[in-house]
C-alpha atoms as a PDB file:
ATOM      1  CA  MET A   1     -10.891  -2.271 -16.049  1.00  0.00           C
ATOM      2  CA  THR A   2      -9.993  -5.085 -18.245  1.00  0.00           C
ATOM      3  CA  GLY A   3      -7.364  -4.699 -20.963  1.00  0.00           C
ATOM      4  CA  THR A   4     -10.116  -3.635 -23.571  1.00  0.00           C
ATOM      5  CA  ASP A   5     -11.829  -1.052 -21.561  1.00  0.00           C
ATOM      6  CA  PRO A   6     -10.981   2.479 -22.456  1.00  0.00           C
ATOM      7  CA  HIS A   7      -8.504   4.525 -20.413  1.00  0.00           C
ATOM      8  CA  ILE A   8     -10.166   7.762 -19.208  1.00  0.00           C
ATOM      9  CA  GLN A   9      -8.171  10.768 -18.386  1.00  0.00           C
ATOM     10  CA  TYR A  10      -8.529  14.573 -18.469  1.00  0.00           C
ATOM     11  CA  ALA A  11      -7.714  15.850 -22.145  1.00  0.00           C
ATOM     12  CA  LEU A  12      -4.614  17.820 -22.959  1.00  0.00           C
ATOM     13  CA  PRO A  13      -4.112  20.616 -25.567  1.00  0.00           C
ATOM     14  CA  ALA A  14      -2.417  18.070 -27.696  1.00  0.00           C
ATOM     15  CA  ASP A  15      -5.728  16.031 -27.964  1.00  0.00           C
ATOM     16  CA  LEU A  16      -7.526  18.977 -29.650  1.00  0.00           C
ATOM     17  CA  ASP A  17      -7.284  17.728 -33.440  1.00  0.00           C
ATOM     18  CA  ALA A  18      -8.276  14.462 -32.583  1.00  0.00           C
ATOM     19  CA  ILE A  19     -11.208  15.634 -30.298  1.00  0.00           C
ATOM     20  CA  ALA A  20     -12.364  18.052 -32.865  1.00  0.00           C
ATOM     21  CA  ALA A  21     -12.379  15.537 -35.838  1.00  0.00           C
ATOM     22  CA  LEU A  22     -14.217  12.915 -33.698  1.00  0.00           C
ATOM     23  CA  HIS A  23     -16.748  15.471 -32.630  1.00  0.00           C
ATOM     24  CA  ALA A  24     -17.494  16.472 -36.126  1.00  0.00           C
ATOM     25  CA  GLU A  25     -17.667  12.691 -37.242  1.00  0.00           C
ATOM     26  CA  ALA A  26     -20.000  11.865 -34.327  1.00  0.00           C
ATOM     27  CA  ARG A  27     -22.386  14.979 -34.891  1.00  0.00           C
ATOM     28  CA  ALA A  28     -22.742  14.117 -38.534  1.00  0.00           C
ATOM     29  CA  THR A  29     -24.391  10.927 -37.671  1.00  0.00           C
ATOM     30  CA  TYR A  30     -27.197  12.393 -35.890  1.00  0.00           C
ATOM     31  CA  TYR A  31     -27.650  15.865 -37.643  1.00  0.00           C
ATOM     32  CA  ARG A  32     -27.392  14.659 -41.117  1.00  0.00           C
ATOM     33  CA  GLY A  33     -30.758  14.462 -42.823  1.00  0.00           C
ATOM     34  CA  HIS A  34     -32.237  16.666 -40.022  1.00  0.00           C
ATOM     35  CA  LEU A  35     -30.256  19.882 -40.589  1.00  0.00           C
ATOM     36  CA  PRO A  36     -28.345  21.589 -43.444  1.00  0.00           C
ATOM     37  CA  ASP A  37     -24.751  20.259 -43.457  1.00  0.00           C
ATOM     38  CA  ALA A  38     -23.455  23.670 -42.964  1.00  0.00           C
ATOM     39  CA  ASP A  39     -25.036  24.009 -39.517  1.00  0.00           C
ATOM     40  CA  PHE A  40     -22.781  20.948 -38.329  1.00  0.00           C
ATOM     41  CA  ALA A  41     -20.164  20.491 -40.827  1.00  0.00           C
ATOM     42  CA  GLY A  42     -19.654  23.868 -42.639  1.00  0.00           C
ATOM     43  CA  PRO A  43     -16.149  25.700 -41.999  1.00  0.00           C
ATOM     44  CA  GLU A  44     -17.556  28.286 -39.725  1.00  0.00           C
ATOM     45  CA  GLU A  45     -19.216  25.727 -37.491  1.00  0.00           C
ATOM     46  CA  LEU A  46     -16.298  23.507 -37.362  1.00  0.00           C
ATOM     47  CA  ALA A  47     -13.922  26.587 -36.222  1.00  0.00           C
ATOM     48  CA  ARG A  48     -16.552  27.481 -33.843  1.00  0.00           C
ATOM     49  CA  SER A  49     -16.594  23.947 -32.469  1.00  0.00           C
ATOM     50  CA  ARG A  50     -12.846  23.725 -32.333  1.00  0.00           C
ATOM     51  CA  ALA A  51     -12.595  27.179 -30.409  1.00  0.00           C
ATOM     52  CA  GLY A  52     -15.117  25.728 -27.840  1.00  0.00           C
ATOM     53  CA  TRP A  53     -13.103  22.484 -27.381  1.00  0.00           C
ATOM     54  CA  ALA A  54      -9.752  24.348 -26.740  1.00  0.00           C
ATOM     55  CA  ALA A  55     -11.513  26.479 -24.244  1.00  0.00           C
ATOM     56  CA  ALA A  56     -13.216  23.427 -22.537  1.00  0.00           C
ATOM     57  CA  ILE A  57      -9.785  21.575 -22.555  1.00  0.00           C
ATOM     58  CA  ASP A  58      -8.001  24.672 -21.191  1.00  0.00           C
ATOM     59  CA  GLY A  59     -10.513  24.696 -18.336  1.00  0.00           C
ATOM     60  CA  GLY A  60      -9.788  21.110 -17.458  1.00  0.00           C
ATOM     61  CA  ARG A  61     -13.459  20.017 -18.174  1.00  0.00           C
ATOM     62  CA  VAL A  62     -12.946  17.405 -20.826  1.00  0.00           C
ATOM     63  CA  LEU A  63     -12.496  13.669 -20.445  1.00  0.00           C
ATOM     64  CA  ARG A  64     -11.134  11.427 -23.040  1.00  0.00           C
ATOM     65  CA  ALA A  65     -11.124   7.827 -23.680  1.00  0.00           C
ATOM     66  CA  ARG A  66      -8.268   5.879 -25.410  1.00  0.00           C
ATOM     67  CA  ASP A  67      -7.698   2.381 -26.143  1.00  0.00           C
ATOM     68  CA  ALA A  68      -4.380   0.637 -25.325  1.00  0.00           C
ATOM     69  CA  ALA A  69      -2.819   1.905 -28.571  1.00  0.00           C
ATOM     70  CA  GLY A  70      -3.519   5.493 -27.662  1.00  0.00           C
ATOM     71  CA  GLU A  71      -6.510   5.885 -30.246  1.00  0.00           C
ATOM     72  CA  LEU A  72      -9.246   8.261 -29.286  1.00  0.00           C
ATOM     73  CA  LEU A  73     -12.444   6.458 -28.812  1.00  0.00           C
ATOM     74  CA  GLY A  74     -14.852   9.065 -27.050  1.00  0.00           C
ATOM     75  CA  VAL A  75     -14.833  12.383 -25.418  1.00  0.00           C
ATOM     76  CA  ALA A  76     -17.086  13.937 -22.740  1.00  0.00           C
ATOM     77  CA  ALA A  77     -17.060  17.607 -21.642  1.00  0.00           C
ATOM     78  CA  TYR A  78     -18.900  19.182 -18.562  1.00  0.00           C
ATOM     79  CA  GLY A  79     -19.131  22.528 -16.731  1.00  0.00           C
ATOM     80  CA  GLN A  80     -21.054  24.884 -14.889  1.00  0.00           C
ATOM     81  CA  ARG A  81     -23.663  27.329 -16.073  1.00  0.00           C
ATOM     82  CA  ASP A  82     -25.924  29.385 -13.732  1.00  0.00           C
ATOM     83  CA  GLY A  83     -24.898  27.409 -10.840  1.00  0.00           C
ATOM     84  CA  THR A  84     -25.849  23.941 -12.447  1.00  0.00           C
ATOM     85  CA  THR A  85     -23.295  21.262 -13.768  1.00  0.00           C
ATOM     86  CA  HIS A  86     -24.144  20.436 -17.371  1.00  0.00           C
ATOM     87  CA  LEU A  87     -22.873  17.619 -19.480  1.00  0.00           C
ATOM     88  CA  THR A  88     -22.159  19.798 -22.588  1.00  0.00           C
ATOM     89  CA  GLN A  89     -20.783  16.977 -24.916  1.00  0.00           C
ATOM     90  CA  LEU A  90     -20.556  13.079 -24.795  1.00  0.00           C
ATOM     91  CA  HIS A  91     -19.317  11.601 -28.152  1.00  0.00           C
ATOM     92  CA  VAL A  92     -17.887   8.239 -29.028  1.00  0.00           C
ATOM     93  CA  ALA A  93     -16.311   7.323 -32.357  1.00  0.00           C
ATOM     94  CA  PRO A  94     -19.104   5.694 -34.330  1.00  0.00           C
ATOM     95  CA  ALA A  95     -16.908   2.670 -35.123  1.00  0.00           C
ATOM     96  CA  ARG A  96     -16.736   1.996 -31.568  1.00  0.00           C
ATOM     97  CA  TRP A  97     -20.419   2.549 -30.533  1.00  0.00           C
ATOM     98  CA  ARG A  98     -21.950  -0.170 -28.245  1.00  0.00           C
ATOM     99  CA  GLY A  99     -18.612  -1.234 -26.776  1.00  0.00           C
ATOM    100  CA  GLY A 100     -18.829   0.542 -23.353  1.00  0.00           C
ATOM    101  CA  VAL A 101     -16.758   3.738 -24.056  1.00  0.00           C
ATOM    102  CA  GLY A 102     -19.850   6.007 -23.578  1.00  0.00           C
ATOM    103  CA  THR A 103     -20.717   4.113 -20.260  1.00  0.00           C
ATOM    104  CA  ALA A 104     -17.073   4.541 -19.124  1.00  0.00           C
ATOM    105  CA  LEU A 105     -17.095   8.336 -19.997  1.00  0.00           C
ATOM    106  CA  HIS A 106     -20.505   8.941 -18.439  1.00  0.00           C
ATOM    107  CA  THR A 107     -19.292   7.026 -15.213  1.00  0.00           C
ATOM    108  CA  ALA A 108     -16.267   9.224 -15.008  1.00  0.00           C
ATOM    109  CA  CYS A 109     -18.153  12.287 -15.287  1.00  0.00           C
ATOM    110  CA  VAL A 110     -20.525  11.145 -12.680  1.00  0.00           C
ATOM    111  CA  ASP A 111     -17.844  10.058 -10.322  1.00  0.00           C
ATOM    112  CA  ALA A 112     -16.142  13.570 -10.833  1.00  0.00           C
ATOM    113  CA  TRP A 113     -19.427  15.339 -10.043  1.00  0.00           C
ATOM    114  CA  ARG A 114     -20.088  13.307  -6.955  1.00  0.00           C
ATOM    115  CA  ALA A 115     -16.501  13.899  -5.820  1.00  0.00           C
ATOM    116  CA  ALA A 116     -17.171  17.711  -6.302  1.00  0.00           C
ATOM    117  CA  GLY A 117     -20.522  17.370  -4.248  1.00  0.00           C
ATOM    118  CA  VAL A 118     -22.889  17.721  -7.341  1.00  0.00           C
ATOM    119  CA  ARG A 119     -26.152  16.570  -6.633  1.00  0.00           C
ATOM    120  CA  THR A 120     -27.940  17.324 -10.019  1.00  0.00           C
ATOM    121  CA  ALA A 121     -26.751  17.763 -13.701  1.00  0.00           C
ATOM    122  CA  ARG A 122     -28.316  18.864 -16.815  1.00  0.00           C
ATOM    123  CA  LEU A 123     -27.879  18.115 -20.623  1.00  0.00           C
ATOM    124  CA  GLU A 124     -29.444  18.844 -23.882  1.00  0.00           C
ATOM    125  CA  VAL A 125     -29.845  16.042 -26.474  1.00  0.00           C
ATOM    126  CA  PHE A 126     -31.141  16.440 -30.181  1.00  0.00           C
ATOM    127  CA  GLU A 127     -34.576  15.185 -30.243  1.00  0.00           C
ATOM    128  CA  PRO A 128     -34.222  13.052 -33.285  1.00  0.00           C
ATOM    129  CA  ASN A 129     -31.189  11.275 -31.701  1.00  0.00           C
ATOM    130  CA  THR A 130     -33.040   8.354 -30.355  1.00  0.00           C
ATOM    131  CA  ARG A 131     -29.895   6.427 -29.832  1.00  0.00           C
ATOM    132  CA  ALA A 132     -28.482   9.075 -27.364  1.00  0.00           C
ATOM    133  CA  ARG A 133     -31.997   9.528 -25.825  1.00  0.00           C
ATOM    134  CA  ALA A 134     -32.042   5.730 -24.926  1.00  0.00           C
ATOM    135  CA  PHE A 135     -28.443   5.834 -23.699  1.00  0.00           C
ATOM    136  CA  TYR A 136     -29.380   8.689 -21.192  1.00  0.00           C
ATOM    137  CA  ALA A 137     -32.522   7.231 -20.251  1.00  0.00           C
ATOM    138  CA  ALA A 138     -30.828   3.989 -19.165  1.00  0.00           C
ATOM    139  CA  ARG A 139     -28.422   5.934 -16.898  1.00  0.00           C
ATOM    140  CA  GLY A 140     -31.194   7.595 -15.117  1.00  0.00           C
ATOM    141  CA  TRP A 141     -31.626  10.991 -16.967  1.00  0.00           C
ATOM    142  CA  LEU A 142     -35.215  12.209 -17.023  1.00  0.00           C
ATOM    143  CA  PRO A 143     -36.992  15.146 -18.661  1.00  0.00           C
ATOM    144  CA  ASP A 144     -36.120  18.289 -16.771  1.00  0.00           C
ATOM    145  CA  PRO A 145     -39.431  19.570 -15.136  1.00  0.00           C
ATOM    146  CA  ASP A 146     -38.321  23.049 -15.110  1.00  0.00           C
ATOM    147  CA  THR A 147     -37.088  23.279 -18.707  1.00  0.00           C
ATOM    148  CA  PRO A 148     -38.286  20.222 -20.846  1.00  0.00           C
ATOM    149  CA  ARG A 149     -37.227  21.641 -24.132  1.00  0.00           C
ATOM    150  CA  HIS A 150     -34.670  24.041 -25.689  1.00  0.00           C
ATOM    151  CA  GLY A 151     -35.461  24.620 -29.267  1.00  0.00           C
ATOM    152  CA  ASP A 152     -34.982  21.148 -31.117  1.00  0.00           C
ATOM    153  CA  HIS A 153     -33.189  19.721 -28.063  1.00  0.00           C
ATOM    154  CA  LEU A 154     -34.849  17.896 -25.059  1.00  0.00           C
ATOM    155  CA  VAL A 155     -33.358  19.023 -21.647  1.00  0.00           C
ATOM    156  CA  LEU A 156     -32.584  16.151 -19.286  1.00  0.00           C
ATOM    157  CA  ARG A 157     -31.788  16.000 -15.629  1.00  0.00           C
ATOM    158  CA  LEU A 158     -29.936  13.622 -13.589  1.00  0.00           C
ATOM    159  CA  THR A 159     -30.210  13.443  -9.777  1.00  0.00           C
ATOM    160  CA  LEU A 160     -27.162  11.885  -8.235  1.00  0.00           C
ATOM    161  CA  GLY A 161     -27.293   9.936  -5.148  1.00  0.00           C
ATOM    162  CA  PRO A 162     -24.390   8.864  -3.042  1.00  0.00           C
ATOM    163  CA  GLY A 163     -21.565   7.085  -4.855  1.00  0.00           C
ATOM    164  CA  PRO A 164     -20.985   3.244  -4.222  1.00  0.00           C
ATOM    165  CA  ALA A 165     -18.378   4.164  -1.524  1.00  0.00           C
ATOM    166  CA  ALA A 166     -21.159   5.804   0.524  1.00  0.00           C
ATOM    167  CA  GLU A 167     -23.864   3.453   0.130  1.00  0.00           C
END
């Protein structure tokens, strides 16, 4: 990585406030105008989200990206559900979009999955979020043939081949 690339590490409990704030800011960019504000930015939803992030951090399933000064740039969370790996969250601070943070977080997740022997992963993306849909498509995510939709979200699947070291 160059000096401008984000530093990726697993999140710690001390990161919770910054992660919850970044998550709220990022979600507002794609939900606003599509859902009532209370559904993504109301006090009950913010409390639910914060509790979810706390549990994910405690479970060791959250990667965070920081710059050299320690500023939080992005965050990604993943876990197992019904025997399948799910990318449950990937958010970049809107001021840092298109700067490689999302790619670095995505790559770190894929590397962790490969190291754990994961061969497929799933995620859900809000259908009107065309920016995120393009991001995932460029990284090989395709509509899940078994479950292409979950409410107003598209379900995508990534099939992982062997990593660069194995090729």
